Protein backbone atom coordinates (compact mmCIF):
# COMPACT_ATOMS: atom_id res chain seq x y z
CA GLY A 1 -65.82 -14.17 18.11
CA ALA A 2 -62.77 -13.50 20.24
CA GLY A 3 -61.39 -10.72 18.04
CA GLY A 4 -59.11 -12.72 15.74
CA LYS A 5 -60.32 -11.00 12.58
CA THR A 6 -60.06 -7.58 14.24
CA LEU A 7 -56.46 -8.26 15.29
CA ALA A 8 -55.58 -9.57 11.83
CA LEU A 9 -56.98 -6.41 10.23
CA ALA A 10 -55.10 -4.20 12.68
CA ALA A 11 -51.84 -6.06 11.94
CA ALA A 12 -52.39 -5.80 8.19
CA MET A 13 -52.85 -2.05 8.59
CA ARG A 14 -49.61 -1.78 10.63
CA SER A 15 -51.30 0.39 13.26
CA SER A 16 -52.31 3.03 10.70
CA GLY A 17 -55.87 4.26 10.24
CA ARG A 18 -58.65 3.10 12.55
CA VAL A 19 -60.29 -0.27 13.07
CA TYR A 20 -63.69 -0.01 14.74
CA ALA A 21 -64.70 -3.29 16.39
CA PHE A 22 -68.45 -3.05 16.94
CA ASP A 23 -70.24 -5.79 18.84
CA VAL A 24 -73.50 -6.22 20.73
CA SER A 25 -71.75 -8.48 23.24
CA VAL A 26 -69.88 -6.82 26.09
CA LYS A 27 -68.43 -10.25 26.92
CA ARG A 28 -66.81 -10.56 23.47
CA LEU A 29 -65.40 -7.04 23.64
CA ASP A 30 -64.01 -7.72 27.12
CA ALA A 31 -62.34 -10.89 25.77
CA LEU A 32 -60.75 -8.79 23.01
CA LYS A 33 -59.12 -6.28 25.38
CA PRO A 34 -56.30 -8.49 26.76
CA ARG A 35 -55.57 -9.87 23.30
CA LEU A 36 -55.48 -6.32 21.97
CA ALA A 37 -53.06 -5.24 24.71
CA ARG A 38 -50.74 -8.20 23.95
CA SER A 39 -50.82 -7.42 20.22
CA GLY A 40 -49.63 -3.84 20.68
CA ALA A 41 -52.10 -2.63 18.06
CA SER A 42 -52.91 1.01 18.67
CA ASN A 43 -55.47 1.50 15.91
CA VAL A 44 -58.34 -0.67 17.24
CA HIS A 45 -61.36 1.00 18.83
CA PRO A 46 -63.69 -1.60 20.41
CA GLN A 47 -67.22 -0.26 20.83
CA TRP A 48 -70.32 -1.83 22.29
CA ILE A 49 -73.50 -1.15 20.31
CA ASP A 50 -77.04 -2.05 21.25
CA GLY A 51 -77.97 -3.13 17.73
CA GLU A 52 -77.73 -2.25 14.09
CA ARG A 53 -79.52 1.08 14.64
CA ASP A 54 -77.13 2.33 17.34
CA PRO A 55 -76.33 6.08 16.92
CA ARG A 56 -72.58 5.34 17.06
CA ILE A 57 -72.95 3.61 13.71
CA GLY A 58 -74.93 6.52 12.26
CA ARG A 59 -72.16 8.99 13.04
CA LEU A 60 -69.80 7.08 10.74
CA SER A 61 -72.27 6.92 7.86
CA GLY A 62 -70.52 7.09 4.48
CA LYS A 63 -67.05 7.48 6.04
CA ILE A 64 -65.56 3.97 6.13
CA ASP A 65 -63.26 2.51 3.44
CA ARG A 66 -63.79 -1.16 4.33
CA VAL A 67 -66.48 -2.82 6.41
CA LEU A 68 -66.40 -6.46 7.48
CA VAL A 69 -69.69 -8.01 8.56
CA ASP A 70 -68.94 -11.24 10.41
CA ALA A 71 -72.62 -12.13 10.53
CA PRO A 72 -74.24 -14.24 13.21
CA CYS A 73 -75.18 -17.46 11.47
CA SER A 74 -76.19 -21.08 11.93
CA GLY A 75 -72.53 -22.13 12.04
CA LEU A 76 -73.34 -25.15 9.89
CA GLY A 77 -69.99 -24.78 8.16
CA THR A 78 -68.41 -26.03 11.38
CA LEU A 79 -70.34 -29.32 11.53
CA ARG A 80 -67.25 -31.49 11.40
CA ARG A 81 -66.01 -29.82 14.61
CA ASN A 82 -69.47 -29.36 16.12
CA PRO A 83 -71.65 -32.28 14.94
CA ASP A 84 -74.30 -31.60 17.57
CA LEU A 85 -75.25 -28.35 15.78
CA LYS A 86 -77.56 -30.25 13.45
CA TRP A 87 -79.70 -31.29 16.42
CA ARG A 88 -79.74 -27.86 18.02
CA GLN A 89 -81.06 -26.06 14.91
CA GLN A 90 -84.75 -25.49 14.21
CA PRO A 91 -86.31 -24.15 10.97
CA SER A 92 -87.51 -21.10 12.92
CA ASP A 93 -83.89 -20.38 13.91
CA LEU A 94 -82.92 -19.97 10.26
CA ALA A 95 -85.77 -17.51 9.61
CA GLU A 96 -84.71 -15.46 12.63
CA LEU A 97 -81.04 -15.53 11.58
CA THR A 98 -81.67 -14.47 7.99
CA ALA A 99 -83.79 -11.53 9.14
CA LYS A 100 -80.98 -10.47 11.49
CA GLN A 101 -78.33 -10.95 8.77
CA ALA A 102 -80.29 -8.75 6.36
CA ALA A 103 -80.75 -6.01 8.99
CA ILE A 104 -77.05 -6.04 9.93
CA LEU A 105 -75.98 -5.95 6.28
CA ASP A 106 -78.31 -3.01 5.57
CA SER A 107 -76.95 -1.10 8.56
CA ALA A 108 -73.32 -1.84 7.68
CA ALA A 109 -73.87 -0.66 4.10
CA ARG A 110 -74.61 2.84 5.40
CA LEU A 111 -71.06 3.04 6.74
CA VAL A 112 -69.33 2.42 3.40
CA LYS A 113 -68.11 5.46 1.53
CA PRO A 114 -68.35 5.65 -2.29
CA GLY A 115 -65.60 3.49 -3.75
CA GLY A 116 -65.42 1.44 -0.52
CA ARG A 117 -66.06 -2.23 0.10
CA LEU A 118 -68.40 -4.18 2.32
CA VAL A 119 -67.42 -7.79 2.96
CA TYR A 120 -70.16 -10.12 4.21
CA VAL A 121 -68.98 -13.39 5.77
CA THR A 122 -70.53 -16.40 7.48
CA CYS A 123 -69.35 -19.81 8.64
CA SER A 124 -72.43 -21.31 7.02
CA ILE A 125 -72.83 -23.48 3.92
CA LEU A 126 -76.52 -22.62 3.45
CA ALA A 127 -77.48 -20.57 0.41
CA GLU A 128 -80.24 -18.96 2.50
CA GLU A 129 -77.61 -17.34 4.72
CA ASN A 130 -75.17 -16.56 1.93
CA GLU A 131 -76.06 -16.05 -1.74
CA ALA A 132 -79.74 -15.36 -0.99
CA ILE A 133 -78.87 -12.66 1.59
CA VAL A 134 -76.50 -10.99 -0.89
CA ALA A 135 -78.98 -11.18 -3.80
CA ALA A 136 -81.77 -9.66 -1.70
CA PHE A 137 -79.42 -6.93 -0.45
CA LEU A 138 -78.40 -6.00 -4.01
CA ALA A 139 -82.05 -5.96 -5.13
CA ARG A 140 -83.03 -3.45 -2.43
CA THR A 141 -79.81 -1.41 -2.23
CA PRO A 142 -78.86 0.68 -5.26
CA GLY A 143 -75.24 1.72 -5.60
CA PHE A 144 -73.63 -1.62 -4.72
CA ARG A 145 -72.28 -4.37 -6.97
CA VAL A 146 -70.62 -7.72 -6.35
CA GLY A 147 -66.83 -7.74 -6.54
CA ASP A 148 -64.85 -10.79 -7.58
CA ALA A 149 -63.62 -12.17 -4.22
CA PRO A 150 -61.34 -14.89 -5.70
CA ALA A 151 -59.70 -12.35 -8.05
CA LEU A 152 -59.19 -9.87 -5.19
CA LEU A 153 -57.58 -12.61 -3.11
CA ALA A 154 -55.41 -13.73 -6.04
CA ALA A 155 -54.15 -10.14 -6.37
CA GLN A 156 -53.01 -10.47 -2.72
CA GLY A 157 -51.22 -13.75 -3.47
CA VAL A 158 -53.93 -16.05 -2.14
CA ALA A 159 -54.79 -18.67 -4.76
CA LEU A 160 -57.94 -20.72 -4.29
CA PRO A 161 -58.41 -24.09 -5.95
CA ASP A 162 -61.80 -24.63 -7.56
CA ALA A 163 -62.74 -20.94 -7.30
CA SER A 164 -65.71 -20.19 -9.49
CA GLY A 165 -68.04 -17.25 -9.42
CA PRO A 166 -67.63 -13.98 -7.60
CA TYR A 167 -67.92 -15.37 -4.05
CA LEU A 168 -65.45 -17.09 -1.78
CA ALA A 169 -67.02 -20.40 -0.79
CA LEU A 170 -64.95 -22.91 1.15
CA ASP A 171 -66.30 -26.42 1.61
CA PRO A 172 -64.96 -29.00 4.07
CA HIS A 173 -65.02 -31.83 1.51
CA ARG A 174 -63.13 -29.83 -1.15
CA HIS A 175 -60.86 -27.50 0.79
CA GLY A 176 -60.24 -29.35 4.07
CA THR A 177 -61.50 -26.34 6.03
CA ASP A 178 -64.67 -25.34 7.81
CA GLY A 179 -67.45 -24.20 5.53
CA PHE A 180 -67.08 -20.48 4.94
CA PHE A 181 -68.67 -17.86 2.68
CA ALA A 182 -67.60 -14.33 1.77
CA ALA A 183 -69.05 -11.79 -0.63
CA VAL A 184 -67.33 -8.53 -1.54
CA LEU A 185 -69.85 -5.76 -2.17
CA GLU A 186 -68.42 -2.62 -3.72
CA ARG A 187 -70.11 0.74 -3.32
CA VAL A 188 -70.05 2.45 -6.68
CA ALA A 189 -68.20 5.76 -6.58
CA ALA A 190 -70.44 8.80 -7.05
CA ASP A 191 -68.78 9.76 -10.38
CA ALA A 192 -69.24 6.19 -11.70
CA THR A 193 -73.01 6.41 -11.16
CA LYS A 194 -73.19 9.63 -13.18
CA GLY A 195 -71.59 7.97 -16.20
CA ALA A 196 -73.99 5.03 -15.97
CA ALA A 197 -77.12 7.20 -16.23
């Protein structure tokens, strides 16, 4: 989007460490720059990439503590604000989006170091873009497991009503928000995999 999540992460880190803001859109990265300057955050490194196979991503393979994938999606969780979305969507769009989501998630997983976390988020309410993407990722990607997103949020003081299961799923009719999905995927530390053998 316009860099709101990037700026929130930078603020939470209090300008320590590094926040890499990768995007395939030069326009979005340009929109982030003035907001970044106003924020005073010195730890954000916006970088244009030409896709999930960009060499800049490869150089950081296995080195990142936390990776947030704000996946391109149907946006159907925002229907109450954007009711025309339902007429602009085609079944072929969903197939194209889910293929892209899977490719981006696979590429992002390479960045996560052992013991790190990969958070996959969408503003969709469709299982095809959410739980199904995560289940397929886990089936093809050894070394990752699902973390308990509601429990992790509760440990940070964020209580969610009606939280059930390991995912964060917000629904407009229950939570008064846009529809939103988040899955926390934890990369098993190398020493943990030895004990499991």
